[in-house]
C-alpha atoms as a PDB file:
ATOM      1  CA  UNK A   1    -191.230  48.962  91.160  1.00  0.00           C
ATOM      2  CA  UNK A   2    -194.022  47.396  88.763  1.00  0.00           C
ATOM      3  CA  UNK A   3    -192.977  43.968  87.528  1.00  0.00           C
ATOM      4  CA  UNK A   4    -192.058  43.333  83.808  1.00  0.00           C
ATOM      5  CA  UNK A   5    -194.258  41.189  81.656  1.00  0.00           C
ATOM      6  CA  UNK A   6    -192.551  37.932  80.573  1.00  0.00           C
ATOM      7  CA  UNK A   7    -191.922  37.321  76.890  1.00  0.00           C
ATOM      8  CA  UNK A   8    -194.698  34.883  75.541  1.00  0.00           C
ATOM      9  CA  UNK A   9    -193.480  31.313  75.997  1.00  0.00           C
ATOM     10  CA  UNK A  10    -190.634  32.339  78.322  1.00  0.00           C
ATOM     11  CA  UNK A  11    -190.452  31.700  82.263  1.00  0.00           C
ATOM     12  CA  UNK A  12    -189.858  34.839  84.425  1.00  0.00           C
ATOM     13  CA  UNK A  13    -186.834  32.734  86.008  1.00  0.00           C
ATOM     14  CA  UNK A  14    -185.430  32.212  82.501  1.00  0.00           C
ATOM     15  CA  UNK A  15    -185.093  35.988  81.589  1.00  0.00           C
ATOM     16  CA  UNK A  16    -182.576  36.976  79.188  1.00  0.00           C
ATOM     17  CA  UNK A  17    -182.249  40.428  80.496  1.00  0.00           C
ATOM     18  CA  UNK A  18    -179.766  41.139  83.389  1.00  0.00           C
ATOM     19  CA  UNK A  19    -182.091  43.113  85.625  1.00  0.00           C
ATOM     20  CA  UNK A  20    -179.828  43.904  88.839  1.00  0.00           C
ATOM     21  CA  UNK A  21    -183.178  44.270  90.896  1.00  0.00           C
ATOM     22  CA  UNK A  22    -184.612  41.678  93.183  1.00  0.00           C
ATOM     23  CA  UNK A  23    -187.890  41.335  93.303  1.00  0.00           C
ATOM     24  CA  UNK A  24    -189.349  39.679  97.145  1.00  0.00           C
ATOM     25  CA  UNK A  25    -192.468  39.616  98.527  1.00  0.00           C
ATOM     26  CA  UNK A  26    -192.640  39.213 102.310  1.00  0.00           C
ATOM     27  CA  UNK A  27    -196.072  37.486 102.348  1.00  0.00           C
ATOM     28  CA  UNK A  28    -197.341  37.536 106.288  1.00  0.00           C
ATOM     29  CA  UNK A  29    -199.112  34.265 107.049  1.00  0.00           C
ATOM     30  CA  UNK A  30    -201.817  34.323 109.765  1.00  0.00           C
ATOM     31  CA  UNK A  31    -203.586  31.673 111.209  1.00  0.00           C
ATOM     32  CA  UNK A  32    -207.158  32.502 109.184  1.00  0.00           C
ATOM     33  CA  UNK A  33    -205.049  32.561 105.756  1.00  0.00           C
ATOM     34  CA  UNK A  34    -205.102  28.456 106.043  1.00  0.00           C
ATOM     35  CA  UNK A  35    -208.065  25.987 105.936  1.00  0.00           C
ATOM     36  CA  UNK A  36    -209.273  25.213 109.390  1.00  0.00           C
ATOM     37  CA  UNK A  37    -206.955  23.285 111.397  1.00  0.00           C
ATOM     38  CA  UNK A  38    -204.340  22.498 108.431  1.00  0.00           C
ATOM     39  CA  UNK A  39    -201.645  24.024 107.108  1.00  0.00           C
ATOM     40  CA  UNK A  40    -203.126  24.129 103.482  1.00  0.00           C
ATOM     41  CA  UNK A  41    -203.396  27.590 102.301  1.00  0.00           C
ATOM     42  CA  UNK A  42    -206.833  29.039 101.252  1.00  0.00           C
ATOM     43  CA  UNK A  43    -207.619  29.153  97.627  1.00  0.00           C
ATOM     44  CA  UNK A  44    -207.235  33.008  96.903  1.00  0.00           C
ATOM     45  CA  UNK A  45    -204.010  33.155  98.982  1.00  0.00           C
ATOM     46  CA  UNK A  46    -202.585  30.230  97.047  1.00  0.00           C
ATOM     47  CA  UNK A  47    -203.412  31.886  93.896  1.00  0.00           C
ATOM     48  CA  UNK A  48    -202.074  34.948  95.110  1.00  0.00           C
ATOM     49  CA  UNK A  49    -198.660  33.107  95.665  1.00  0.00           C
ATOM     50  CA  UNK A  50    -198.851  31.394  92.502  1.00  0.00           C
ATOM     51  CA  UNK A  51    -199.454  34.377  90.309  1.00  0.00           C
ATOM     52  CA  UNK A  52    -196.425  36.326  92.084  1.00  0.00           C
ATOM     53  CA  UNK A  53    -194.091  33.538  91.381  1.00  0.00           C
ATOM     54  CA  UNK A  54    -195.066  33.404  88.001  1.00  0.00           C
ATOM     55  CA  UNK A  55    -194.360  37.074  87.530  1.00  0.00           C
ATOM     56  CA  UNK A  56    -190.848  36.280  88.680  1.00  0.00           C
ATOM     57  CA  UNK A  57    -190.956  37.211  92.501  1.00  0.00           C
ATOM     58  CA  UNK A  58    -189.159  35.486  95.073  1.00  0.00           C
ATOM     59  CA  UNK A  59    -191.741  34.753  97.950  1.00  0.00           C
ATOM     60  CA  UNK A  60    -190.663  35.077 101.584  1.00  0.00           C
ATOM     61  CA  UNK A  61    -193.452  33.511 104.070  1.00  0.00           C
ATOM     62  CA  UNK A  62    -193.467  34.843 107.408  1.00  0.00           C
ATOM     63  CA  UNK A  63    -195.215  33.130 109.871  1.00  0.00           C
ATOM     64  CA  UNK A  64    -197.241  35.392 112.172  1.00  0.00           C
ATOM     65  CA  UNK A  65    -196.188  33.422 115.048  1.00  0.00           C
ATOM     66  CA  UNK A  66    -192.566  34.330 114.436  1.00  0.00           C
ATOM     67  CA  UNK A  67    -193.062  37.700 113.665  1.00  0.00           C
ATOM     68  CA  UNK A  68    -195.011  38.217 117.253  1.00  0.00           C
ATOM     69  CA  UNK A  69    -192.228  36.391 119.168  1.00  0.00           C
ATOM     70  CA  UNK A  70    -189.497  38.913 117.852  1.00  0.00           C
ATOM     71  CA  UNK A  71    -188.556  41.580 120.625  1.00  0.00           C
ATOM     72  CA  UNK A  72    -188.199  44.928 119.656  1.00  0.00           C
ATOM     73  CA  UNK A  73    -186.887  46.173 116.304  1.00  0.00           C
ATOM     74  CA  UNK A  74    -183.434  45.356 116.591  1.00  0.00           C
ATOM     75  CA  UNK A  75    -184.190  41.416 117.177  1.00  0.00           C
ATOM     76  CA  UNK A  76    -187.041  41.993 114.096  1.00  0.00           C
ATOM     77  CA  UNK A  77    -184.362  43.103 111.909  1.00  0.00           C
ATOM     78  CA  UNK A  78    -181.824  40.533 112.758  1.00  0.00           C
ATOM     79  CA  UNK A  79    -184.872  38.007 111.900  1.00  0.00           C
ATOM     80  CA  UNK A  80    -185.540  39.457 108.656  1.00  0.00           C
ATOM     81  CA  UNK A  81    -181.980  39.786 107.841  1.00  0.00           C
ATOM     82  CA  UNK A  82    -181.508  35.802 108.426  1.00  0.00           C
ATOM     83  CA  UNK A  83    -184.642  35.383 106.272  1.00  0.00           C
ATOM     84  CA  UNK A  84    -183.619  37.201 103.478  1.00  0.00           C
ATOM     85  CA  UNK A  85    -179.704  35.849 103.641  1.00  0.00           C
ATOM     86  CA  UNK A  86    -181.689  32.191 103.365  1.00  0.00           C
ATOM     87  CA  UNK A  87    -182.767  33.192 100.050  1.00  0.00           C
ATOM     88  CA  UNK A  88    -179.287  34.546  99.003  1.00  0.00           C
ATOM     89  CA  UNK A  89    -180.455  38.229  99.120  1.00  0.00           C
ATOM     90  CA  UNK A  90    -178.951  41.223 100.883  1.00  0.00           C
ATOM     91  CA  UNK A  91    -180.367  43.634 103.522  1.00  0.00           C
ATOM     92  CA  UNK A  92    -180.087  47.077 102.103  1.00  0.00           C
ATOM     93  CA  UNK A  93    -177.848  48.883  99.975  1.00  0.00           C
ATOM     94  CA  UNK A  94    -174.648  47.595 101.202  1.00  0.00           C
ATOM     95  CA  UNK A  95    -175.861  44.168 102.559  1.00  0.00           C
ATOM     96  CA  UNK A  96    -175.655  45.576 106.152  1.00  0.00           C
END
């Protein structure tokens, strides 16, 4: 689903159209995405997240350590459902 461009001078979050689609990007964050021994994103990663945010996407960072700790598909689905609900989003067509 390609993102729509923003009218000049209007932020994506202030769009006047009522688009039912919710644009979310699941951002897998691995250790090598950060500067050494810190929680500061590398420039290319920070720029990517900034651009996606400006295009109207909601970013959902997923730390690799948290994903790796999930045991099996049911637990992983539950983890992702909780993350999406924290953003106020539904899981699937019926929210289930």
